[in-house]
Protein backbone atom coordinates (compact mmCIF):
# COMPACT_ATOMS: atom_id res chain seq x y z
CA MET A 1 -35.65 22.89 13.43
CA THR A 2 -36.60 26.21 11.52
CA THR A 3 -39.11 26.20 8.90
CA ARG A 4 -36.32 27.27 6.62
CA SER A 5 -34.39 24.01 7.55
CA ARG A 6 -37.53 21.91 6.98
CA ILE A 7 -38.10 23.17 3.56
CA LEU A 8 -34.35 22.88 2.62
CA PHE A 9 -34.63 19.33 4.15
CA LEU A 10 -37.68 18.51 2.18
CA VAL A 11 -36.39 19.92 -1.23
CA PHE A 12 -33.04 17.71 -0.66
CA ILE A 13 -35.20 14.51 -0.14
CA ALA A 14 -37.29 15.35 -3.20
CA VAL A 15 -34.01 15.96 -5.49
CA VAL A 16 -32.51 12.46 -3.95
CA ALA A 17 -35.85 10.90 -4.82
CA SER A 18 -35.87 12.22 -8.37
CA LEU A 19 -32.45 11.19 -8.94
CA GLY A 20 -33.12 7.59 -7.78
CA THR A 21 -35.91 7.43 -10.16
CA LEU A 22 -33.85 8.69 -13.12
CA ILE A 23 -31.12 6.26 -12.31
CA ALA A 24 -33.70 3.51 -11.90
CA GLN A 25 -35.09 4.51 -15.40
CA ALA A 26 -31.79 4.75 -17.08
CA PRO A 27 -31.49 2.12 -19.97
CA LYS A 28 -29.38 -0.66 -18.92
CA LYS A 29 -26.72 -2.47 -21.11
CA PRO A 30 -28.60 -5.53 -22.71
CA ALA A 31 -26.80 -8.62 -21.76
CA ILE A 32 -24.68 -10.65 -24.17
CA ALA A 33 -24.84 -14.41 -23.30
CA TYR A 34 -21.75 -16.51 -23.55
CA PRO A 35 -21.46 -18.02 -26.98
CA ASN A 36 -20.94 -21.61 -26.16
CA ASP A 37 -20.52 -22.63 -29.72
CA PHE A 38 -18.23 -20.20 -30.88
CA ARG A 39 -15.32 -22.79 -31.79
CA HIS A 40 -17.69 -24.03 -34.49
CA TRP A 41 -17.63 -20.49 -36.19
CA ARG A 42 -15.26 -19.40 -38.85
CA GLN A 43 -11.90 -18.84 -37.33
CA VAL A 44 -10.62 -15.40 -38.61
CA LYS A 45 -7.06 -15.35 -37.38
CA SER A 46 -4.70 -16.37 -34.61
CA MET A 47 -1.80 -14.34 -33.55
CA VAL A 48 0.56 -14.01 -30.22
CA ILE A 49 1.12 -10.92 -28.30
CA TYR A 50 4.30 -11.87 -26.60
CA SER A 51 6.32 -8.77 -25.64
CA SER A 52 5.68 -5.29 -24.28
CA GLN A 53 6.70 -3.92 -27.65
CA ASN A 54 2.96 -4.15 -28.29
CA LYS A 55 0.93 -1.68 -26.32
CA LEU A 56 -1.64 -4.12 -25.55
CA PHE A 57 0.70 -6.66 -23.82
CA ASP A 58 -0.13 -5.94 -20.17
CA ARG A 59 -3.95 -6.69 -20.84
CA PHE A 60 -3.94 -8.87 -24.03
CA GLY A 61 -0.72 -10.79 -23.82
CA GLY A 62 -0.92 -14.16 -25.03
CA LEU A 63 -2.38 -16.50 -28.04
CA HIS A 64 -5.52 -14.71 -29.68
CA ASN A 65 -7.97 -16.87 -31.63
CA VAL A 66 -10.72 -14.71 -33.28
CA TYR A 67 -13.79 -16.28 -34.61
CA VAL A 68 -16.96 -14.70 -36.55
CA ASN A 69 -20.41 -16.44 -36.98
CA ASP A 70 -22.06 -17.11 -40.08
CA ILE A 71 -24.29 -13.87 -40.00
CA GLY A 72 -20.95 -11.75 -39.97
CA TRP A 73 -18.73 -13.93 -42.28
CA PRO A 74 -19.75 -12.38 -45.58
CA ALA A 75 -19.21 -8.87 -44.32
CA LEU A 76 -15.77 -9.84 -42.80
CA GLU A 77 -14.79 -11.46 -45.91
CA LYS A 78 -15.90 -8.66 -48.08
CA THR A 79 -14.77 -5.82 -45.68
CA LYS A 80 -18.35 -4.47 -45.49
CA LEU A 81 -20.58 -3.04 -42.84
CA PHE A 82 -21.77 -5.95 -40.57
CA PRO A 83 -25.37 -6.70 -40.34
CA ASP A 84 -27.48 -6.97 -36.89
CA GLY A 85 -26.79 -10.39 -35.24
CA SER A 86 -23.21 -10.58 -36.40
CA MET A 87 -20.67 -11.74 -33.58
CA LEU A 88 -17.17 -11.94 -33.19
CA VAL A 89 -15.36 -13.61 -30.25
CA LEU A 90 -11.58 -13.34 -29.19
CA GLU A 91 -10.54 -16.18 -26.95
CA LEU A 92 -7.32 -15.48 -25.12
CA PHE A 93 -5.03 -17.95 -23.75
CA ASP A 94 -1.56 -17.40 -21.64
CA VAL A 95 1.21 -18.98 -23.41
CA SER A 96 4.29 -21.22 -22.95
CA ASN A 97 7.49 -21.71 -24.86
CA SER A 98 8.15 -25.03 -24.87
CA MET A 99 11.10 -26.45 -27.22
CA GLY A 100 10.79 -23.89 -29.56
CA ALA A 101 7.08 -23.75 -29.70
CA ILE A 102 4.45 -21.27 -28.38
CA GLU A 103 1.64 -23.31 -26.98
CA PRO A 104 -1.42 -22.26 -25.30
CA ARG A 105 -1.73 -22.87 -21.53
CA PRO A 106 -4.95 -24.78 -20.28
CA GLY A 107 -7.88 -22.65 -19.80
CA HIS A 108 -8.96 -19.21 -21.23
CA LYS A 109 -7.33 -16.12 -19.94
CA GLY A 110 -10.66 -14.58 -21.06
CA VAL A 111 -13.36 -14.73 -23.81
CA TYR A 112 -14.06 -11.30 -25.40
CA VAL A 113 -17.46 -10.54 -27.44
CA MET A 114 -18.72 -8.10 -29.90
CA LYS A 115 -22.52 -8.39 -31.05
CA LYS A 116 -23.74 -5.98 -33.63
CA ASN A 117 -27.22 -4.46 -33.00
CA ALA A 118 -27.40 -0.89 -34.51
CA LYS A 119 -30.34 0.07 -32.24
CA LEU A 120 -29.35 -1.43 -28.97
CA TYR A 121 -25.80 -0.22 -29.25
CA ALA A 122 -25.97 3.03 -31.06
CA ASP A 123 -23.47 4.71 -28.66
CA THR A 124 -20.80 2.40 -29.31
CA GLY A 125 -20.97 2.20 -33.06
CA GLY A 126 -23.73 -0.57 -33.22
CA TRP A 127 -21.78 -2.84 -31.40
CA GLY A 128 -22.32 -4.39 -27.91
CA PHE A 129 -19.35 -5.87 -25.91
CA GLU A 130 -18.80 -8.35 -23.17
CA VAL A 131 -15.93 -9.86 -21.22
CA PHE A 132 -15.93 -13.16 -19.61
CA PRO A 133 -12.74 -13.64 -17.55
CA GLY A 134 -11.05 -16.96 -17.47
CA SER A 135 -13.36 -19.98 -18.19
CA ASP A 136 -16.30 -18.16 -16.45
CA GLU A 137 -19.40 -17.73 -18.44
CA LYS A 138 -20.43 -14.83 -16.04
CA PRO A 139 -20.24 -11.40 -17.93
CA THR A 140 -18.04 -8.79 -16.00
CA LEU A 141 -17.83 -5.74 -18.37
CA LYS A 142 -19.21 -2.76 -16.53
CA SER A 143 -19.13 -0.33 -19.49
CA MET A 144 -19.06 -0.89 -23.00
CA THR A 145 -17.23 2.40 -23.71
CA GLU A 146 -14.15 0.65 -21.85
CA CYS A 147 -13.95 -1.69 -25.10
CA PHE A 148 -15.07 0.84 -27.54
CA GLY A 149 -12.35 3.22 -26.52
CA CYS A 150 -9.85 1.10 -28.56
CA HIS A 151 -12.37 0.15 -31.30
CA LYS A 152 -13.50 3.49 -32.43
CA GLU A 153 -10.40 4.13 -34.32
CA GLY A 154 -11.60 1.39 -36.80
CA LYS A 155 -14.71 3.25 -38.09
CA SER A 156 -13.80 2.52 -41.57
CA ARG A 157 -13.98 -1.33 -40.94
CA ASP A 158 -17.25 -0.98 -38.84
CA TYR A 159 -15.12 -0.89 -35.47
CA VAL A 160 -13.81 -4.46 -36.18
CA LYS A 161 -10.00 -4.86 -35.68
CA SER A 162 -9.83 -8.35 -37.27
CA ALA A 163 -9.35 -8.59 -40.96
CA TYR A 164 -9.91 -11.65 -43.42
CA VAL A 165 -6.81 -12.99 -44.61
CA GLU A 166 -6.69 -15.47 -47.30
């Protein structure tokens, strides 16, 4: 190996080591725990996405129940900015049509969580997002920007899609 090759090899090793250090020091997405008690929160709304006329049908087709915790309730009710600690949960069920009634099938299709913390989640409008598929309580979301991509259009409502309906 020539001197030039050795120098280039050492530079390459130094660059790879530096990149590894930077990646290891990159801030990790703070974990959002599965909210076991969300069915005791206030229910915001229910809806059914039942056909491909809705652009979200492929991913979110089914029965939606949306809940908000006590911290977020006053902001939702008055359409204000949500304080840190606010949480919203969307539980999604597959549905069946039985004798003229649309009913949820047993077991969640997924549980989707939004948690407000303006400092931790500054890149996504102050909201952290998490996805729990099926009835599994293990988070699976790889990037919060995946969720925020749809929510960012709702900046005037603090990125929350659900509205309080009297």
